[in-house]
Amino acid sequence: MDLFIERIVARKKDYVDYLIILATIIISFIIAFLIILMTGPVLFGVGVGLVTIIGYIGYRIITSRNIEYEYSLTNGDLEISKIIAKKRRKRIFYGSCRQFEVVDKASSERHKRFVNDEMNKIHAVSSMKSQDVYFFISNYNDRKTIVYFEPCEKIIDKIRSLNRKAFL
């Protein structure tokens, strides 16, 4: 019987996200105002078309700040995908749970012991301040990688049953 567990976690917006959204709105309005001033009544149709394009580009930038992470555990393989604006999907990690070297909460002492600056880091969490953040260390793309994620208990239990040594 195939095993399949899935969880989606929405990333919380931080001040950088809100700054990008605010800057996009302000810049879009300024550019739209300048286009309307420059085109005047003679090229009104062209101006409206350009303003519409600017509005669409601003909309795409703002909605691209809506990010979710999907964790899919299928028969011992964990895939983590980044979903942008509920439209585009990008795989950011794929690997076997049996290959994980360490799995623990990010707030644990083991985290401080195993993490170093040379590791590739993947943050697939709602917020690093969350109490439910776990990490694991694995080789991904021929580099030692630490992945931060927020799994449900079913995912943690299944990883534990597949790789007990990573939890010691």
C-alpha atoms as a PDB file:
ATOM      1  CA  MET A   1       0.000   0.000   0.000  1.00  0.00           C
ATOM      2  CA  ASP A   2       1.316   3.429  -0.958  1.00  0.00           C
ATOM      3  CA  LEU A   3       1.841   6.019   1.739  1.00  0.00           C
ATOM      4  CA  PHE A   4       0.971   9.635   0.985  1.00  0.00           C
ATOM      5  CA  ILE A   5       0.878  12.481   3.514  1.00  0.00           C
ATOM      6  CA  GLU A   6       0.581  16.111   2.480  1.00  0.00           C
ATOM      7  CA  ARG A   7       0.638  19.423   4.306  1.00  0.00           C
ATOM      8  CA  ILE A   8       0.517  23.020   3.111  1.00  0.00           C
ATOM      9  CA  VAL A   9       1.967  25.861   5.195  1.00  0.00           C
ATOM     10  CA  ALA A  10       1.412  29.514   4.275  1.00  0.00           C
ATOM     11  CA  ARG A  11       4.373  31.821   4.791  1.00  0.00           C
ATOM     12  CA  LYS A  12       3.605  34.832   6.963  1.00  0.00           C
ATOM     13  CA  LYS A  13       4.410  38.186   5.414  1.00  0.00           C
ATOM     14  CA  ASP A  14       7.222  40.145   7.042  1.00  0.00           C
ATOM     15  CA  TYR A  15       8.177  43.798   6.824  1.00  0.00           C
ATOM     16  CA  VAL A  16      10.083  43.244   3.559  1.00  0.00           C
ATOM     17  CA  ASP A  17       6.936  41.882   1.917  1.00  0.00           C
ATOM     18  CA  TYR A  18       4.883  44.857   3.070  1.00  0.00           C
ATOM     19  CA  LEU A  19       7.620  47.242   1.917  1.00  0.00           C
ATOM     20  CA  ILE A  20       7.644  45.644  -1.552  1.00  0.00           C
ATOM     21  CA  ILE A  21       3.845  45.843  -1.764  1.00  0.00           C
ATOM     22  CA  LEU A  22       3.811  49.498  -0.702  1.00  0.00           C
ATOM     23  CA  ALA A  23       6.626  50.419  -3.101  1.00  0.00           C
ATOM     24  CA  THR A  24       4.852  48.609  -5.954  1.00  0.00           C
ATOM     25  CA  ILE A  25       1.630  50.527  -5.342  1.00  0.00           C
ATOM     26  CA  ILE A  26       3.367  53.903  -5.106  1.00  0.00           C
ATOM     27  CA  ILE A  27       5.566  53.342  -8.166  1.00  0.00           C
ATOM     28  CA  SER A  28       2.606  52.027 -10.194  1.00  0.00           C
ATOM     29  CA  PHE A  29       0.541  55.123  -9.393  1.00  0.00           C
ATOM     30  CA  ILE A  30       3.424  57.468 -10.234  1.00  0.00           C
ATOM     31  CA  ILE A  31       4.120  55.735 -13.560  1.00  0.00           C
ATOM     32  CA  ALA A  32       0.389  55.638 -14.405  1.00  0.00           C
ATOM     33  CA  PHE A  33       0.049  59.359 -13.619  1.00  0.00           C
ATOM     34  CA  LEU A  34       3.082  60.198 -15.798  1.00  0.00           C
ATOM     35  CA  ILE A  35       1.745  58.090 -18.671  1.00  0.00           C
ATOM     36  CA  ILE A  36      -1.624  59.857 -18.538  1.00  0.00           C
ATOM     37  CA  LEU A  37       0.091  63.265 -18.470  1.00  0.00           C
ATOM     38  CA  MET A  38       2.373  62.435 -21.402  1.00  0.00           C
ATOM     39  CA  THR A  39      -0.204  60.823 -23.669  1.00  0.00           C
ATOM     40  CA  GLY A  40      -2.867  63.515 -23.232  1.00  0.00           C
ATOM     41  CA  PRO A  41      -6.249  63.415 -24.974  1.00  0.00           C
ATOM     42  CA  VAL A  42      -4.794  62.651 -28.423  1.00  0.00           C
ATOM     43  CA  LEU A  43      -3.294  59.276 -27.448  1.00  0.00           C
ATOM     44  CA  PHE A  44      -5.827  58.492 -24.721  1.00  0.00           C
ATOM     45  CA  GLY A  45      -6.299  54.867 -25.889  1.00  0.00           C
ATOM     46  CA  VAL A  46      -2.550  54.209 -25.819  1.00  0.00           C
ATOM     47  CA  GLY A  47      -2.338  55.764 -22.342  1.00  0.00           C
ATOM     48  CA  VAL A  48      -5.157  53.610 -21.005  1.00  0.00           C
ATOM     49  CA  GLY A  49      -3.485  50.505 -22.486  1.00  0.00           C
ATOM     50  CA  LEU A  50      -0.146  51.337 -20.875  1.00  0.00           C
ATOM     51  CA  VAL A  51      -1.800  52.102 -17.521  1.00  0.00           C
ATOM     52  CA  THR A  52      -3.586  48.746 -17.715  1.00  0.00           C
ATOM     53  CA  ILE A  53      -0.263  46.987 -18.351  1.00  0.00           C
ATOM     54  CA  ILE A  54       1.347  48.805 -15.397  1.00  0.00           C
ATOM     55  CA  GLY A  55      -1.604  47.797 -13.195  1.00  0.00           C
ATOM     56  CA  TYR A  56      -1.260  44.158 -14.235  1.00  0.00           C
ATOM     57  CA  ILE A  57       2.489  44.137 -13.571  1.00  0.00           C
ATOM     58  CA  GLY A  58       1.859  45.667 -10.126  1.00  0.00           C
ATOM     59  CA  TYR A  59      -0.810  43.045  -9.424  1.00  0.00           C
ATOM     60  CA  ARG A  60       1.613  40.229 -10.343  1.00  0.00           C
ATOM     61  CA  ILE A  61       4.335  41.646  -8.107  1.00  0.00           C
ATOM     62  CA  ILE A  62       1.957  42.037  -5.148  1.00  0.00           C
ATOM     63  CA  THR A  63       0.414  38.561  -5.487  1.00  0.00           C
ATOM     64  CA  SER A  64       3.867  36.989  -5.861  1.00  0.00           C
ATOM     65  CA  ARG A  65       4.403  37.791  -2.167  1.00  0.00           C
ATOM     66  CA  ASN A  66       1.747  35.144  -1.304  1.00  0.00           C
ATOM     67  CA  ILE A  67       3.883  32.047  -0.753  1.00  0.00           C
ATOM     68  CA  GLU A  68       2.960  28.599   0.507  1.00  0.00           C
ATOM     69  CA  TYR A  69       5.066  25.509   1.056  1.00  0.00           C
ATOM     70  CA  GLU A  70       3.747  22.038   0.334  1.00  0.00           C
ATOM     71  CA  TYR A  71       5.281  18.994   2.009  1.00  0.00           C
ATOM     72  CA  SER A  72       4.502  15.679   0.321  1.00  0.00           C
ATOM     73  CA  LEU A  73       5.713  12.454   1.885  1.00  0.00           C
ATOM     74  CA  THR A  74       5.275   9.561  -0.527  1.00  0.00           C
ATOM     75  CA  ASN A  75       6.649   6.121   0.290  1.00  0.00           C
ATOM     76  CA  GLY A  76       9.593   7.524   2.251  1.00  0.00           C
ATOM     77  CA  ASP A  77      10.462  10.356  -0.163  1.00  0.00           C
ATOM     78  CA  LEU A  78       9.882  13.933   0.961  1.00  0.00           C
ATOM     79  CA  GLU A  79       9.212  16.628  -1.606  1.00  0.00           C
ATOM     80  CA  ILE A  80       8.965  20.274  -0.596  1.00  0.00           C
ATOM     81  CA  SER A  81       7.518  22.673  -3.150  1.00  0.00           C
ATOM     82  CA  LYS A  82       7.171  26.433  -3.083  1.00  0.00           C
ATOM     83  CA  ILE A  83       3.790  27.658  -4.360  1.00  0.00           C
ATOM     84  CA  ILE A  84       3.739  31.293  -5.458  1.00  0.00           C
ATOM     85  CA  ALA A  85       0.370  33.104  -5.656  1.00  0.00           C
ATOM     86  CA  LYS A  86      -1.388  29.703  -5.815  1.00  0.00           C
ATOM     87  CA  LYS A  87      -0.363  29.512  -9.489  1.00  0.00           C
ATOM     88  CA  ARG A  88       3.294  28.654  -9.893  1.00  0.00           C
ATOM     89  CA  ARG A  89       4.990  25.710  -8.249  1.00  0.00           C
ATOM     90  CA  LYS A  90       8.712  25.160  -7.835  1.00  0.00           C
ATOM     91  CA  ARG A  91      10.336  22.132  -6.225  1.00  0.00           C
ATOM     92  CA  ILE A  92      12.876  23.277  -3.640  1.00  0.00           C
ATOM     93  CA  PHE A  93      13.766  19.917  -2.079  1.00  0.00           C
ATOM     94  CA  TYR A  94      13.401  16.239  -2.883  1.00  0.00           C
ATOM     95  CA  GLY A  95      15.016  13.385  -1.013  1.00  0.00           C
ATOM     96  CA  SER A  96      14.622  10.126   0.831  1.00  0.00           C
ATOM     97  CA  CYS A  97      13.857  10.303   4.556  1.00  0.00           C
ATOM     98  CA  ARG A  98      16.260   7.401   5.042  1.00  0.00           C
ATOM     99  CA  GLN A  99      19.123   9.720   4.014  1.00  0.00           C
ATOM    100  CA  PHE A 100      18.451  12.377   6.677  1.00  0.00           C
ATOM    101  CA  GLU A 101      21.362  12.692   9.079  1.00  0.00           C
ATOM    102  CA  VAL A 102      19.571  14.619  11.841  1.00  0.00           C
ATOM    103  CA  VAL A 103      15.926  15.540  12.456  1.00  0.00           C
ATOM    104  CA  ASP A 104      14.886  17.683  15.409  1.00  0.00           C
ATOM    105  CA  LYS A 105      13.147  20.873  16.472  1.00  0.00           C
ATOM    106  CA  ALA A 106      14.922  24.064  15.445  1.00  0.00           C
ATOM    107  CA  SER A 107      14.787  25.234  19.062  1.00  0.00           C
ATOM    108  CA  SER A 108      16.784  22.211  20.290  1.00  0.00           C
ATOM    109  CA  GLU A 109      20.403  22.066  21.390  1.00  0.00           C
ATOM    110  CA  ARG A 110      21.157  19.664  18.530  1.00  0.00           C
ATOM    111  CA  HIS A 111      20.368  22.452  16.090  1.00  0.00           C
ATOM    112  CA  LYS A 112      23.191  24.605  17.459  1.00  0.00           C
ATOM    113  CA  ARG A 113      25.566  21.649  17.410  1.00  0.00           C
ATOM    114  CA  PHE A 114      24.994  20.545  13.819  1.00  0.00           C
ATOM    115  CA  VAL A 115      24.481  23.785  11.923  1.00  0.00           C
ATOM    116  CA  ASN A 116      27.357  25.674  10.347  1.00  0.00           C
ATOM    117  CA  ASP A 117      27.578  28.607   7.956  1.00  0.00           C
ATOM    118  CA  GLU A 118      28.844  26.585   5.004  1.00  0.00           C
ATOM    119  CA  MET A 119      25.619  24.597   4.746  1.00  0.00           C
ATOM    120  CA  ASN A 120      23.078  25.362   2.092  1.00  0.00           C
ATOM    121  CA  LYS A 121      19.874  26.490   3.848  1.00  0.00           C
ATOM    122  CA  ILE A 122      16.274  26.063   2.739  1.00  0.00           C
ATOM    123  CA  HIS A 123      13.569  27.871   4.715  1.00  0.00           C
ATOM    124  CA  ALA A 124      10.151  26.342   3.994  1.00  0.00           C
ATOM    125  CA  VAL A 125       8.272  27.620   7.044  1.00  0.00           C
ATOM    126  CA  SER A 126       5.535  30.090   7.888  1.00  0.00           C
ATOM    127  CA  SER A 127       7.966  31.928  10.161  1.00  0.00           C
ATOM    128  CA  MET A 128      11.236  30.974  11.794  1.00  0.00           C
ATOM    129  CA  LYS A 129       9.711  32.225  15.070  1.00  0.00           C
ATOM    130  CA  SER A 130       7.086  29.479  15.011  1.00  0.00           C
ATOM    131  CA  GLN A 131       7.271  26.851  17.768  1.00  0.00           C
ATOM    132  CA  ASP A 132       6.631  24.014  15.276  1.00  0.00           C
ATOM    133  CA  VAL A 133       9.748  24.490  13.145  1.00  0.00           C
ATOM    134  CA  TYR A 134      11.813  21.343  12.626  1.00  0.00           C
ATOM    135  CA  PHE A 135      15.034  20.932  10.703  1.00  0.00           C
ATOM    136  CA  PHE A 136      16.773  18.090   8.978  1.00  0.00           C
ATOM    137  CA  ILE A 137      20.182  17.743   7.404  1.00  0.00           C
ATOM    138  CA  SER A 138      20.634  15.874   4.158  1.00  0.00           C
ATOM    139  CA  ASN A 139      22.664  15.953   0.967  1.00  0.00           C
ATOM    140  CA  TYR A 140      20.814  17.800  -1.792  1.00  0.00           C
ATOM    141  CA  ASN A 141      22.349  18.720  -5.148  1.00  0.00           C
ATOM    142  CA  ASP A 142      25.702  17.382  -3.920  1.00  0.00           C
ATOM    143  CA  ARG A 143      25.806  19.793  -0.983  1.00  0.00           C
ATOM    144  CA  LYS A 144      25.101  19.325   2.694  1.00  0.00           C
ATOM    145  CA  THR A 145      21.793  21.115   3.196  1.00  0.00           C
ATOM    146  CA  ILE A 146      19.752  22.068   6.222  1.00  0.00           C
ATOM    147  CA  VAL A 147      16.013  22.304   5.588  1.00  0.00           C
ATOM    148  CA  TYR A 148      13.643  24.084   7.947  1.00  0.00           C
ATOM    149  CA  PHE A 149      10.025  22.946   7.742  1.00  0.00           C
ATOM    150  CA  GLU A 150       6.801  22.693   9.789  1.00  0.00           C
ATOM    151  CA  PRO A 151       5.530  19.128   9.467  1.00  0.00           C
ATOM    152  CA  CYS A 152       2.447  17.699  11.101  1.00  0.00           C
ATOM    153  CA  GLU A 153       2.785  14.891  13.647  1.00  0.00           C
ATOM    154  CA  LYS A 154       1.924  12.252  11.017  1.00  0.00           C
ATOM    155  CA  ILE A 155       4.899  13.316   8.890  1.00  0.00           C
ATOM    156  CA  ILE A 156       7.279  13.345  11.869  1.00  0.00           C
ATOM    157  CA  ASP A 157       6.041   9.921  13.012  1.00  0.00           C
ATOM    158  CA  LYS A 158       6.539   8.462   9.528  1.00  0.00           C
ATOM    159  CA  ILE A 159      10.037   9.951   9.188  1.00  0.00           C
ATOM    160  CA  ARG A 160      10.854   8.547  12.647  1.00  0.00           C
ATOM    161  CA  SER A 161       9.670   5.076  11.620  1.00  0.00           C
ATOM    162  CA  LEU A 162      11.765   5.216   8.420  1.00  0.00           C
ATOM    163  CA  ASN A 163      14.934   6.641   9.999  1.00  0.00           C
ATOM    164  CA  ARG A 164      15.233   6.188  13.767  1.00  0.00           C
ATOM    165  CA  LYS A 165      18.946   7.058  13.843  1.00  0.00           C
ATOM    166  CA  ALA A 166      18.261  10.653  12.733  1.00  0.00           C
ATOM    167  CA  PHE A 167      16.271  11.296  15.920  1.00  0.00           C
ATOM    168  CA  LEU A 168      18.875  10.027  18.409  1.00  0.00           C
END
